[in-house]
Amino acid sequence: MTAGQDRDTAAGPAAGAAGQAPAERQTFRSSLAVVVWWIWVLFAVGNLIDLAVQGRDHLSVVAAFILLFITGVIYTTVQRPRIVADDEGLTIMNPLRDHRIGWAAVAAIDVPELLRVRCEWPLDSAGDTGHRVLYSWAVRSPRRKQVIAELRAQRRSRRGSAGDLSGCSARRKARPRNRPPAWRTPRSWSPR
């Protein structure tokens, strides 16, 4: 889970034996998407109340239907995408389609831009396997953050390979304690 992602727990602790409570079910979604959704809901409800109070013509009805249509589109693209993980596998809920993947079929998970799940499963007894790559809208990692993280890692590795220097302070020249910094003016120059 990356920064900016929200994790909800849908059930209690994992069950140890059969017949106990179901295992933990975790939901992953973007925190920003939840905030955008609730801001839009407040905006839409306020406008619908205003249209109900003041609007009594055909244009108000059209505006209300357009507002409801946009609310449906925003729900589909912002609020609905999520990933649900449980004992059986992953459920990837994208705006228009759900994918259920068992843990046995998950070959790899990575985040190049959107979360990518690589799946493999046996097709027949000859050893053939089926392959499929599924993307999730719910968890994303902007390329800019990845580049910044890579540059920081390179900078740290260069600092570590520079020998015994620890940070920037070791590279600076030490100035005598009794001498003021260069940006201060000498007392002889200050007005009296």
Protein backbone atom coordinates (compact mmCIF):
# COMPACT_ATOMS: atom_id res chain seq x y z
CA MET A 1 0.00 0.00 0.00
CA THR A 2 1.50 3.35 -1.01
CA ALA A 3 1.11 6.77 0.53
CA GLY A 4 -2.31 8.22 -0.08
CA GLN A 5 -4.03 4.86 -0.01
CA ASP A 6 -6.73 3.97 2.48
CA ARG A 7 -7.12 0.52 4.04
CA ASP A 8 -10.39 -0.63 5.56
CA THR A 9 -10.86 -3.87 7.48
CA ALA A 10 -14.21 -5.47 6.80
CA ALA A 11 -14.16 -8.36 9.28
CA GLY A 12 -12.58 -9.38 12.54
CA PRO A 13 -9.32 -11.27 13.09
CA ALA A 14 -8.41 -14.29 11.03
CA ALA A 15 -10.03 -17.55 12.01
CA GLY A 16 -7.75 -20.26 13.34
CA ALA A 17 -10.06 -23.25 12.98
CA ALA A 18 -13.11 -24.16 10.95
CA GLY A 19 -16.43 -22.95 12.26
CA GLN A 20 -15.09 -19.70 13.68
CA ALA A 21 -15.61 -16.17 12.41
CA PRO A 22 -14.53 -15.48 8.81
CA ALA A 23 -10.98 -14.33 8.15
CA GLU A 24 -9.93 -10.72 7.84
CA ARG A 25 -11.04 -8.99 4.67
CA GLN A 26 -9.15 -5.85 3.68
CA THR A 27 -10.25 -3.16 1.26
CA PHE A 28 -7.74 -0.87 -0.44
CA ARG A 29 -8.77 2.33 -2.20
CA SER A 30 -7.47 5.81 -2.79
CA SER A 31 -7.98 8.26 0.09
CA LEU A 32 -8.09 11.14 -2.36
CA ALA A 33 -10.90 9.45 -4.29
CA VAL A 34 -13.00 9.14 -1.11
CA VAL A 35 -12.48 12.84 -0.35
CA VAL A 36 -13.38 13.86 -3.92
CA TRP A 37 -16.51 11.68 -3.77
CA TRP A 38 -17.80 13.24 -0.53
CA ILE A 39 -17.07 16.77 -1.73
CA TRP A 40 -19.05 16.03 -4.88
CA VAL A 41 -21.94 14.51 -2.88
CA LEU A 42 -22.17 17.66 -0.74
CA PHE A 43 -22.11 19.84 -3.88
CA ALA A 44 -24.75 17.73 -5.64
CA VAL A 45 -27.09 17.56 -2.62
CA GLY A 46 -26.82 21.32 -2.12
CA ASN A 47 -27.67 21.97 -5.77
CA LEU A 48 -30.55 19.47 -5.77
CA ILE A 49 -32.03 21.14 -2.66
CA ASP A 50 -31.67 24.53 -4.34
CA LEU A 51 -33.35 23.23 -7.51
CA ALA A 52 -36.18 21.68 -5.47
CA VAL A 53 -36.81 24.93 -3.58
CA GLN A 54 -36.42 27.51 -6.33
CA GLY A 55 -36.78 25.69 -9.65
CA ARG A 56 -40.26 25.05 -10.98
CA ASP A 57 -39.63 24.91 -14.72
CA HIS A 58 -38.38 22.47 -17.36
CA LEU A 59 -34.80 23.78 -17.16
CA SER A 60 -34.61 22.88 -13.45
CA VAL A 61 -35.66 19.29 -14.18
CA VAL A 62 -33.04 19.02 -16.94
CA ALA A 63 -30.38 20.45 -14.62
CA ALA A 64 -31.34 17.95 -11.89
CA PHE A 65 -31.05 15.00 -14.30
CA ILE A 66 -27.68 16.24 -15.58
CA LEU A 67 -26.49 16.58 -11.98
CA LEU A 68 -27.64 13.02 -11.20
CA PHE A 69 -25.96 11.70 -14.36
CA ILE A 70 -22.66 13.38 -13.45
CA THR A 71 -22.99 11.97 -9.91
CA GLY A 72 -23.33 8.46 -11.39
CA VAL A 73 -20.25 8.96 -13.57
CA ILE A 74 -18.23 10.24 -10.62
CA TYR A 75 -19.37 7.32 -8.46
CA THR A 76 -18.36 4.85 -11.16
CA THR A 77 -14.94 6.36 -11.79
CA VAL A 78 -13.96 7.62 -8.31
CA GLN A 79 -15.80 5.80 -5.54
CA ARG A 80 -16.32 2.29 -6.93
CA PRO A 81 -12.70 1.25 -7.76
CA ARG A 82 -11.18 -0.79 -4.94
CA ILE A 83 -9.26 -3.95 -4.20
CA VAL A 84 -10.62 -6.46 -1.69
CA ALA A 85 -8.20 -9.06 -0.33
CA ASP A 86 -9.32 -12.08 1.69
CA ASP A 87 -8.25 -15.70 2.28
CA GLU A 88 -9.45 -16.94 -1.12
CA GLY A 89 -7.81 -14.23 -3.24
CA LEU A 90 -8.20 -10.72 -4.64
CA THR A 91 -11.23 -8.96 -6.02
CA ILE A 92 -10.32 -6.06 -8.28
CA MET A 93 -13.29 -3.74 -8.73
CA ASN A 94 -12.76 -1.37 -11.64
CA PRO A 95 -15.39 1.12 -12.83
CA LEU A 96 -17.17 -1.23 -15.22
CA ARG A 97 -15.85 -4.70 -14.42
CA ASP A 98 -14.96 -6.90 -11.45
CA HIS A 99 -12.17 -9.49 -11.51
CA ARG A 100 -11.87 -12.31 -8.95
CA ILE A 101 -8.41 -13.91 -8.74
CA GLY A 102 -7.48 -16.81 -6.50
CA TRP A 103 -4.15 -16.56 -4.70
CA ALA A 104 -2.88 -19.62 -6.58
CA ALA A 105 -3.21 -17.78 -9.90
CA VAL A 106 -1.37 -14.61 -8.78
CA ALA A 107 2.14 -14.71 -10.27
CA ALA A 108 3.28 -11.14 -9.50
CA ILE A 109 1.98 -7.78 -8.32
CA ASP A 110 3.67 -4.49 -9.14
CA VAL A 111 2.85 -0.79 -9.45
CA PRO A 112 4.33 0.76 -12.62
CA GLU A 113 1.55 3.38 -12.77
CA LEU A 114 -1.62 1.50 -11.84
CA LEU A 115 -1.54 -1.66 -9.74
CA ARG A 116 -0.79 -4.54 -12.08
CA VAL A 117 -1.59 -8.17 -11.18
CA ARG A 118 0.01 -10.81 -13.39
CA CYS A 119 -1.91 -14.08 -13.39
CA GLU A 120 -0.89 -17.55 -14.52
CA TRP A 121 -2.87 -20.80 -14.37
CA PRO A 122 -2.43 -24.28 -15.80
CA LEU A 123 -4.41 -25.01 -18.94
CA ASP A 124 -3.86 -28.73 -19.43
CA SER A 125 -1.70 -31.65 -18.35
CA ALA A 126 0.90 -30.84 -21.04
CA GLY A 127 2.25 -27.99 -18.91
CA ASP A 128 0.71 -25.10 -20.85
CA THR A 129 -0.22 -22.05 -18.79
CA GLY A 130 -2.60 -19.21 -19.38
CA HIS A 131 -1.42 -15.65 -18.79
CA ARG A 132 -3.34 -12.49 -18.11
CA VAL A 133 -2.48 -9.06 -16.75
CA LEU A 134 -5.15 -7.15 -14.79
CA TYR A 135 -4.95 -3.48 -13.85
CA SER A 136 -6.66 -1.79 -10.92
CA TRP A 137 -7.83 1.81 -10.94
CA ALA A 138 -7.96 1.85 -7.15
CA VAL A 139 -4.23 1.87 -6.35
CA ARG A 140 -1.90 4.00 -8.39
CA SER A 141 1.58 5.40 -8.09
CA PRO A 142 2.30 8.46 -10.22
CA ARG A 143 5.46 8.18 -12.29
CA ARG A 144 6.77 11.41 -10.77
CA LYS A 145 6.85 9.83 -7.28
CA GLN A 146 8.69 6.80 -8.65
CA VAL A 147 11.33 8.95 -10.34
CA ILE A 148 11.82 11.01 -7.17
CA ALA A 149 12.21 7.84 -5.09
CA GLU A 150 14.77 6.43 -7.56
CA LEU A 151 16.77 9.68 -7.54
CA ARG A 152 16.81 9.73 -3.73
CA ALA A 153 18.00 6.12 -3.64
CA GLN A 154 20.80 6.92 -6.12
CA ARG A 155 21.82 9.97 -4.06
CA ARG A 156 21.93 7.87 -0.88
CA SER A 157 23.99 5.17 -2.56
CA ARG A 158 26.49 7.79 -3.83
CA ARG A 159 26.79 9.25 -0.33
CA GLY A 160 27.36 5.82 1.12
CA SER A 161 30.04 4.97 -1.45
CA ALA A 162 31.94 8.26 -0.89
CA GLY A 163 33.85 6.68 1.96
CA ASP A 164 33.55 7.62 5.58
CA LEU A 165 31.74 10.92 5.02
CA SER A 166 28.49 11.07 6.94
CA GLY A 167 26.13 13.53 5.33
CA CYS A 168 26.73 17.06 4.13
CA SER A 169 28.22 18.44 7.33
CA ALA A 170 31.43 16.40 6.92
CA ARG A 171 32.09 17.99 3.52
CA ARG A 172 31.76 21.56 4.77
CA LYS A 173 34.80 23.42 5.95
CA ALA A 174 34.70 23.95 9.66
CA ARG A 175 34.83 27.62 10.59
CA PRO A 176 36.50 28.77 13.79
CA ARG A 177 34.05 29.30 16.65
CA ASN A 178 35.26 32.82 17.43
CA ARG A 179 34.83 34.06 13.86
CA PRO A 180 31.32 35.29 12.74
CA PRO A 181 29.76 33.95 9.55
CA ALA A 182 30.76 35.70 6.32
CA TRP A 183 27.33 37.28 5.77
CA ARG A 184 27.56 39.37 8.98
CA THR A 185 29.16 42.82 8.76
CA PRO A 186 32.12 43.56 11.02
CA ARG A 187 31.44 45.78 14.06
CA SER A 188 33.69 48.45 12.70
CA TRP A 189 31.30 48.94 9.76
CA SER A 190 28.09 49.17 11.76
CA PRO A 191 26.69 52.67 12.38
CA ARG A 192 26.86 54.05 15.92
